[in-house]
């Protein structure tokens, strides 16, 4: 038994190790599909990032934050909601908002009754989004939409939603 562990902790660790040993390996076909997904995840985000950095000095996550704010009533969202909708941790959101505030594209302010902070897209932020969105849409079409059939795009979206549902449930700190 490891130092500092009680009998129940050790039993749980042993059970987890046995379960991992019993995990079925991927078939050759599954391995091929898995590697294709891993390659997509390794290449698509940097390609989208490169276009946004080149055209607007933004990374993809910052663009997502601005886009989520642009779609909100009054271009404003609470920070907790914004972190969830932009698929980032509160810490990542805080760092992104600091950069976006320095650029003049976002402002943070207290919410109603002085509770919970909010982020609001500024007029300059909306103007920047309006300027960069056409190039970003062209890049999204070039890299994804136009290389897939409508059926493939629908299947990709369905698969993405199914995987995201599982990963969303497993995010640390969620109830």
C-alpha atoms as a PDB file:
ATOM      1  CA  UNK A   1       0.000   0.000   0.000  1.00  0.00           C
ATOM      2  CA  UNK A   2       1.236   3.503  -0.829  1.00  0.00           C
ATOM      3  CA  UNK A   3       2.107   5.781   2.076  1.00  0.00           C
ATOM      4  CA  UNK A   4      -0.797   8.036   3.072  1.00  0.00           C
ATOM      5  CA  UNK A   5      -3.461   5.838   1.473  1.00  0.00           C
ATOM      6  CA  UNK A   6      -6.081   3.994   3.455  1.00  0.00           C
ATOM      7  CA  UNK A   7      -7.380   0.526   2.559  1.00  0.00           C
ATOM      8  CA  UNK A   8     -10.395   1.882   0.616  1.00  0.00           C
ATOM      9  CA  UNK A   9      -8.215   4.219  -1.461  1.00  0.00           C
ATOM     10  CA  UNK A  10      -5.826   1.362  -2.286  1.00  0.00           C
ATOM     11  CA  UNK A  11      -8.724  -0.910  -3.252  1.00  0.00           C
ATOM     12  CA  UNK A  12     -10.126   1.747  -5.574  1.00  0.00           C
ATOM     13  CA  UNK A  13      -6.689   2.261  -7.143  1.00  0.00           C
ATOM     14  CA  UNK A  14      -6.259  -1.497  -7.643  1.00  0.00           C
ATOM     15  CA  UNK A  15      -9.724  -1.748  -9.250  1.00  0.00           C
ATOM     16  CA  UNK A  16      -8.941   1.145 -11.602  1.00  0.00           C
ATOM     17  CA  UNK A  17      -5.664  -0.469 -12.654  1.00  0.00           C
ATOM     18  CA  UNK A  18      -7.427  -3.798 -13.346  1.00  0.00           C
ATOM     19  CA  UNK A  19     -10.091  -2.003 -15.399  1.00  0.00           C
ATOM     20  CA  UNK A  20      -7.388  -0.232 -17.420  1.00  0.00           C
ATOM     21  CA  UNK A  21      -5.671  -3.572 -18.074  1.00  0.00           C
ATOM     22  CA  UNK A  22      -8.994  -5.020 -19.261  1.00  0.00           C
ATOM     23  CA  UNK A  23      -9.773  -2.113 -21.606  1.00  0.00           C
ATOM     24  CA  UNK A  24     -10.320  -3.422 -25.129  1.00  0.00           C
ATOM     25  CA  UNK A  25      -7.732  -2.270 -27.631  1.00  0.00           C
ATOM     26  CA  UNK A  26      -8.818  -0.465 -30.751  1.00  0.00           C
ATOM     27  CA  UNK A  27      -9.270  -2.585 -33.843  1.00  0.00           C
ATOM     28  CA  UNK A  28      -7.016  -1.706 -36.778  1.00  0.00           C
ATOM     29  CA  UNK A  29      -9.926   0.144 -38.424  1.00  0.00           C
ATOM     30  CA  UNK A  30     -10.730   2.029 -35.206  1.00  0.00           C
ATOM     31  CA  UNK A  31      -7.038   2.870 -34.778  1.00  0.00           C
ATOM     32  CA  UNK A  32      -6.963   4.314 -38.304  1.00  0.00           C
ATOM     33  CA  UNK A  33     -10.070   6.457 -37.619  1.00  0.00           C
ATOM     34  CA  UNK A  34      -8.717   7.537 -34.225  1.00  0.00           C
ATOM     35  CA  UNK A  35      -5.416   8.646 -35.803  1.00  0.00           C
ATOM     36  CA  UNK A  36      -7.356  10.666 -38.399  1.00  0.00           C
ATOM     37  CA  UNK A  37      -9.205  12.462 -35.595  1.00  0.00           C
ATOM     38  CA  UNK A  38      -5.978  13.092 -33.668  1.00  0.00           C
ATOM     39  CA  UNK A  39      -4.414  14.538 -36.817  1.00  0.00           C
ATOM     40  CA  UNK A  40      -7.453  16.789 -37.369  1.00  0.00           C
ATOM     41  CA  UNK A  41      -7.281  18.041 -33.773  1.00  0.00           C
ATOM     42  CA  UNK A  42      -3.570  18.742 -34.191  1.00  0.00           C
ATOM     43  CA  UNK A  43      -3.848  20.615 -37.498  1.00  0.00           C
ATOM     44  CA  UNK A  44      -7.212  22.431 -37.705  1.00  0.00           C
ATOM     45  CA  UNK A  45      -6.955  24.670 -34.603  1.00  0.00           C
ATOM     46  CA  UNK A  46      -3.482  25.991 -35.530  1.00  0.00           C
ATOM     47  CA  UNK A  47      -4.662  26.670 -39.098  1.00  0.00           C
ATOM     48  CA  UNK A  48      -7.649  28.689 -37.829  1.00  0.00           C
ATOM     49  CA  UNK A  49      -5.403  30.422 -35.298  1.00  0.00           C
ATOM     50  CA  UNK A  50      -2.898  31.412 -37.993  1.00  0.00           C
ATOM     51  CA  UNK A  51      -5.528  33.154 -40.112  1.00  0.00           C
ATOM     52  CA  UNK A  52      -6.913  35.079 -37.145  1.00  0.00           C
ATOM     53  CA  UNK A  53      -3.459  36.073 -35.890  1.00  0.00           C
ATOM     54  CA  UNK A  54      -2.452  37.229 -39.358  1.00  0.00           C
ATOM     55  CA  UNK A  55      -5.644  39.186 -40.052  1.00  0.00           C
ATOM     56  CA  UNK A  56      -6.598  40.488 -36.603  1.00  0.00           C
ATOM     57  CA  UNK A  57      -3.887  39.723 -34.048  1.00  0.00           C
ATOM     58  CA  UNK A  58      -6.325  37.383 -32.259  1.00  0.00           C
ATOM     59  CA  UNK A  59      -6.188  33.737 -31.389  1.00  0.00           C
ATOM     60  CA  UNK A  60      -9.137  31.441 -32.054  1.00  0.00           C
ATOM     61  CA  UNK A  61     -10.272  31.442 -28.415  1.00  0.00           C
ATOM     62  CA  UNK A  62     -10.313  35.250 -28.265  1.00  0.00           C
ATOM     63  CA  UNK A  63     -12.342  35.313 -31.478  1.00  0.00           C
ATOM     64  CA  UNK A  64     -14.809  32.872 -29.916  1.00  0.00           C
ATOM     65  CA  UNK A  65     -15.141  35.097 -26.840  1.00  0.00           C
ATOM     66  CA  UNK A  66     -15.879  38.112 -29.026  1.00  0.00           C
ATOM     67  CA  UNK A  67     -18.353  36.111 -31.107  1.00  0.00           C
ATOM     68  CA  UNK A  68     -20.234  34.889 -28.030  1.00  0.00           C
ATOM     69  CA  UNK A  69     -20.459  38.474 -26.760  1.00  0.00           C
ATOM     70  CA  UNK A  70     -21.642  39.717 -30.163  1.00  0.00           C
ATOM     71  CA  UNK A  71     -24.553  37.260 -30.112  1.00  0.00           C
ATOM     72  CA  UNK A  72     -25.703  38.269 -26.600  1.00  0.00           C
ATOM     73  CA  UNK A  73     -28.383  40.809 -25.727  1.00  0.00           C
ATOM     74  CA  UNK A  74     -26.641  44.163 -25.314  1.00  0.00           C
ATOM     75  CA  UNK A  75     -23.401  42.362 -26.294  1.00  0.00           C
ATOM     76  CA  UNK A  76     -22.966  41.509 -22.602  1.00  0.00           C
ATOM     77  CA  UNK A  77     -22.583  38.255 -20.673  1.00  0.00           C
ATOM     78  CA  UNK A  78     -21.688  37.271 -17.147  1.00  0.00           C
ATOM     79  CA  UNK A  79     -18.144  35.931 -16.898  1.00  0.00           C
ATOM     80  CA  UNK A  80     -19.185  32.451 -15.713  1.00  0.00           C
ATOM     81  CA  UNK A  81     -21.616  32.059 -18.598  1.00  0.00           C
ATOM     82  CA  UNK A  82     -19.078  33.481 -21.038  1.00  0.00           C
ATOM     83  CA  UNK A  83     -16.442  30.964 -19.921  1.00  0.00           C
ATOM     84  CA  UNK A  84     -18.865  28.083 -20.502  1.00  0.00           C
ATOM     85  CA  UNK A  85     -20.136  29.336 -23.865  1.00  0.00           C
ATOM     86  CA  UNK A  86     -16.633  30.039 -25.160  1.00  0.00           C
ATOM     87  CA  UNK A  87     -15.413  26.621 -23.924  1.00  0.00           C
ATOM     88  CA  UNK A  88     -12.704  27.952 -21.659  1.00  0.00           C
ATOM     89  CA  UNK A  89     -11.811  27.908 -18.010  1.00  0.00           C
ATOM     90  CA  UNK A  90     -12.378  31.024 -15.901  1.00  0.00           C
ATOM     91  CA  UNK A  91      -8.605  31.518 -15.820  1.00  0.00           C
ATOM     92  CA  UNK A  92      -8.258  31.279 -19.598  1.00  0.00           C
ATOM     93  CA  UNK A  93     -11.166  33.678 -20.022  1.00  0.00           C
ATOM     94  CA  UNK A  94      -9.593  36.155 -17.606  1.00  0.00           C
ATOM     95  CA  UNK A  95      -6.328  36.183 -19.565  1.00  0.00           C
ATOM     96  CA  UNK A  96      -8.183  36.582 -22.869  1.00  0.00           C
ATOM     97  CA  UNK A  97     -10.329  39.417 -21.502  1.00  0.00           C
ATOM     98  CA  UNK A  98      -7.219  41.236 -20.287  1.00  0.00           C
ATOM     99  CA  UNK A  99      -5.795  41.174 -23.838  1.00  0.00           C
ATOM    100  CA  UNK A 100      -9.138  42.121 -25.385  1.00  0.00           C
ATOM    101  CA  UNK A 101      -9.595  44.994 -22.916  1.00  0.00           C
ATOM    102  CA  UNK A 102      -6.128  46.360 -23.714  1.00  0.00           C
ATOM    103  CA  UNK A 103      -7.101  46.356 -27.406  1.00  0.00           C
ATOM    104  CA  UNK A 104     -10.294  48.248 -26.546  1.00  0.00           C
ATOM    105  CA  UNK A 105     -12.579  45.476 -27.836  1.00  0.00           C
ATOM    106  CA  UNK A 106     -14.134  44.424 -24.513  1.00  0.00           C
ATOM    107  CA  UNK A 107     -14.824  46.013 -21.168  1.00  0.00           C
ATOM    108  CA  UNK A 108     -15.469  44.343 -17.827  1.00  0.00           C
ATOM    109  CA  UNK A 109     -18.009  45.821 -15.468  1.00  0.00           C
ATOM    110  CA  UNK A 110     -20.080  44.832 -12.445  1.00  0.00           C
ATOM    111  CA  UNK A 111     -23.393  43.184 -13.186  1.00  0.00           C
ATOM    112  CA  UNK A 112     -26.791  44.177 -11.858  1.00  0.00           C
ATOM    113  CA  UNK A 113     -26.744  45.309  -8.258  1.00  0.00           C
ATOM    114  CA  UNK A 114     -22.929  45.267  -8.271  1.00  0.00           C
ATOM    115  CA  UNK A 115     -22.790  41.478  -8.253  1.00  0.00           C
ATOM    116  CA  UNK A 116     -20.882  39.168 -10.556  1.00  0.00           C
ATOM    117  CA  UNK A 117     -18.718  40.715 -13.204  1.00  0.00           C
ATOM    118  CA  UNK A 118     -19.770  40.948 -16.822  1.00  0.00           C
ATOM    119  CA  UNK A 119     -17.960  41.434 -20.104  1.00  0.00           C
ATOM    120  CA  UNK A 120     -19.326  43.693 -22.824  1.00  0.00           C
ATOM    121  CA  UNK A 121     -18.264  43.937 -26.445  1.00  0.00           C
ATOM    122  CA  UNK A 122     -17.385  47.544 -27.260  1.00  0.00           C
ATOM    123  CA  UNK A 123     -18.216  49.338 -30.501  1.00  0.00           C
ATOM    124  CA  UNK A 124     -14.554  48.966 -31.491  1.00  0.00           C
ATOM    125  CA  UNK A 125     -14.779  45.232 -30.791  1.00  0.00           C
ATOM    126  CA  UNK A 126     -17.881  44.906 -32.962  1.00  0.00           C
ATOM    127  CA  UNK A 127     -16.180  46.848 -35.742  1.00  0.00           C
ATOM    128  CA  UNK A 128     -13.127  44.584 -35.545  1.00  0.00           C
ATOM    129  CA  UNK A 129     -15.370  41.479 -35.693  1.00  0.00           C
ATOM    130  CA  UNK A 130     -17.199  42.907 -38.699  1.00  0.00           C
ATOM    131  CA  UNK A 131     -13.838  43.443 -40.401  1.00  0.00           C
ATOM    132  CA  UNK A 132     -12.307  40.028 -39.667  1.00  0.00           C
ATOM    133  CA  UNK A 133     -15.404  37.792 -39.924  1.00  0.00           C
ATOM    134  CA  UNK A 134     -15.454  37.528 -43.750  1.00  0.00           C
ATOM    135  CA  UNK A 135     -11.864  36.237 -43.889  1.00  0.00           C
ATOM    136  CA  UNK A 136     -12.527  33.852 -41.015  1.00  0.00           C
ATOM    137  CA  UNK A 137     -15.641  32.475 -42.721  1.00  0.00           C
ATOM    138  CA  UNK A 138     -13.650  32.027 -45.948  1.00  0.00           C
ATOM    139  CA  UNK A 139     -11.007  30.088 -43.992  1.00  0.00           C
ATOM    140  CA  UNK A 140     -13.625  27.931 -42.235  1.00  0.00           C
ATOM    141  CA  UNK A 141     -15.194  27.169 -45.606  1.00  0.00           C
ATOM    142  CA  UNK A 142     -11.806  26.417 -47.192  1.00  0.00           C
ATOM    143  CA  UNK A 143     -10.659  24.114 -44.403  1.00  0.00           C
ATOM    144  CA  UNK A 144     -13.912  22.355 -43.485  1.00  0.00           C
ATOM    145  CA  UNK A 145     -17.225  23.254 -45.086  1.00  0.00           C
ATOM    146  CA  UNK A 146     -16.249  23.192 -48.763  1.00  0.00           C
ATOM    147  CA  UNK A 147     -14.198  19.963 -48.536  1.00  0.00           C
ATOM    148  CA  UNK A 148     -17.140  17.978 -47.129  1.00  0.00           C
ATOM    149  CA  UNK A 149     -20.402  16.958 -48.684  1.00  0.00           C
ATOM    150  CA  UNK A 150     -23.508  18.250 -46.905  1.00  0.00           C
ATOM    151  CA  UNK A 151     -23.988  14.736 -45.494  1.00  0.00           C
ATOM    152  CA  UNK A 152     -20.402  14.602 -44.212  1.00  0.00           C
ATOM    153  CA  UNK A 153     -20.761  18.026 -42.608  1.00  0.00           C
ATOM    154  CA  UNK A 154     -23.956  16.914 -40.862  1.00  0.00           C
ATOM    155  CA  UNK A 155     -22.276  13.693 -39.687  1.00  0.00           C
ATOM    156  CA  UNK A 156     -19.268  15.672 -38.445  1.00  0.00           C
ATOM    157  CA  UNK A 157     -21.526  18.016 -36.486  1.00  0.00           C
ATOM    158  CA  UNK A 158     -23.453  15.093 -34.984  1.00  0.00           C
ATOM    159  CA  UNK A 159     -20.212  13.359 -33.980  1.00  0.00           C
ATOM    160  CA  UNK A 160     -18.835  16.595 -32.526  1.00  0.00           C
ATOM    161  CA  UNK A 161     -21.992  17.114 -30.447  1.00  0.00           C
ATOM    162  CA  UNK A 162     -21.868  13.523 -29.141  1.00  0.00           C
ATOM    163  CA  UNK A 163     -18.203  13.807 -28.132  1.00  0.00           C
ATOM    164  CA  UNK A 164     -18.667  17.277 -26.665  1.00  0.00           C
ATOM    165  CA  UNK A 165     -21.579  16.040 -24.552  1.00  0.00           C
ATOM    166  CA  UNK A 166     -19.324  13.420 -22.950  1.00  0.00           C
ATOM    167  CA  UNK A 167     -16.359  15.739 -22.442  1.00  0.00           C
ATOM    168  CA  UNK A 168     -18.630  18.481 -21.096  1.00  0.00           C
ATOM    169  CA  UNK A 169     -20.018  16.080 -18.470  1.00  0.00           C
ATOM    170  CA  UNK A 170     -16.498  15.158 -17.384  1.00  0.00           C
ATOM    171  CA  UNK A 171     -15.116  18.693 -17.035  1.00  0.00           C
ATOM    172  CA  UNK A 172     -13.578  19.195 -13.596  1.00  0.00           C
ATOM    173  CA  UNK A 173     -15.421  21.430 -11.191  1.00  0.00           C
ATOM    174  CA  UNK A 174     -18.823  20.858 -12.749  1.00  0.00           C
ATOM    175  CA  UNK A 175     -21.805  19.731 -10.674  1.00  0.00           C
END
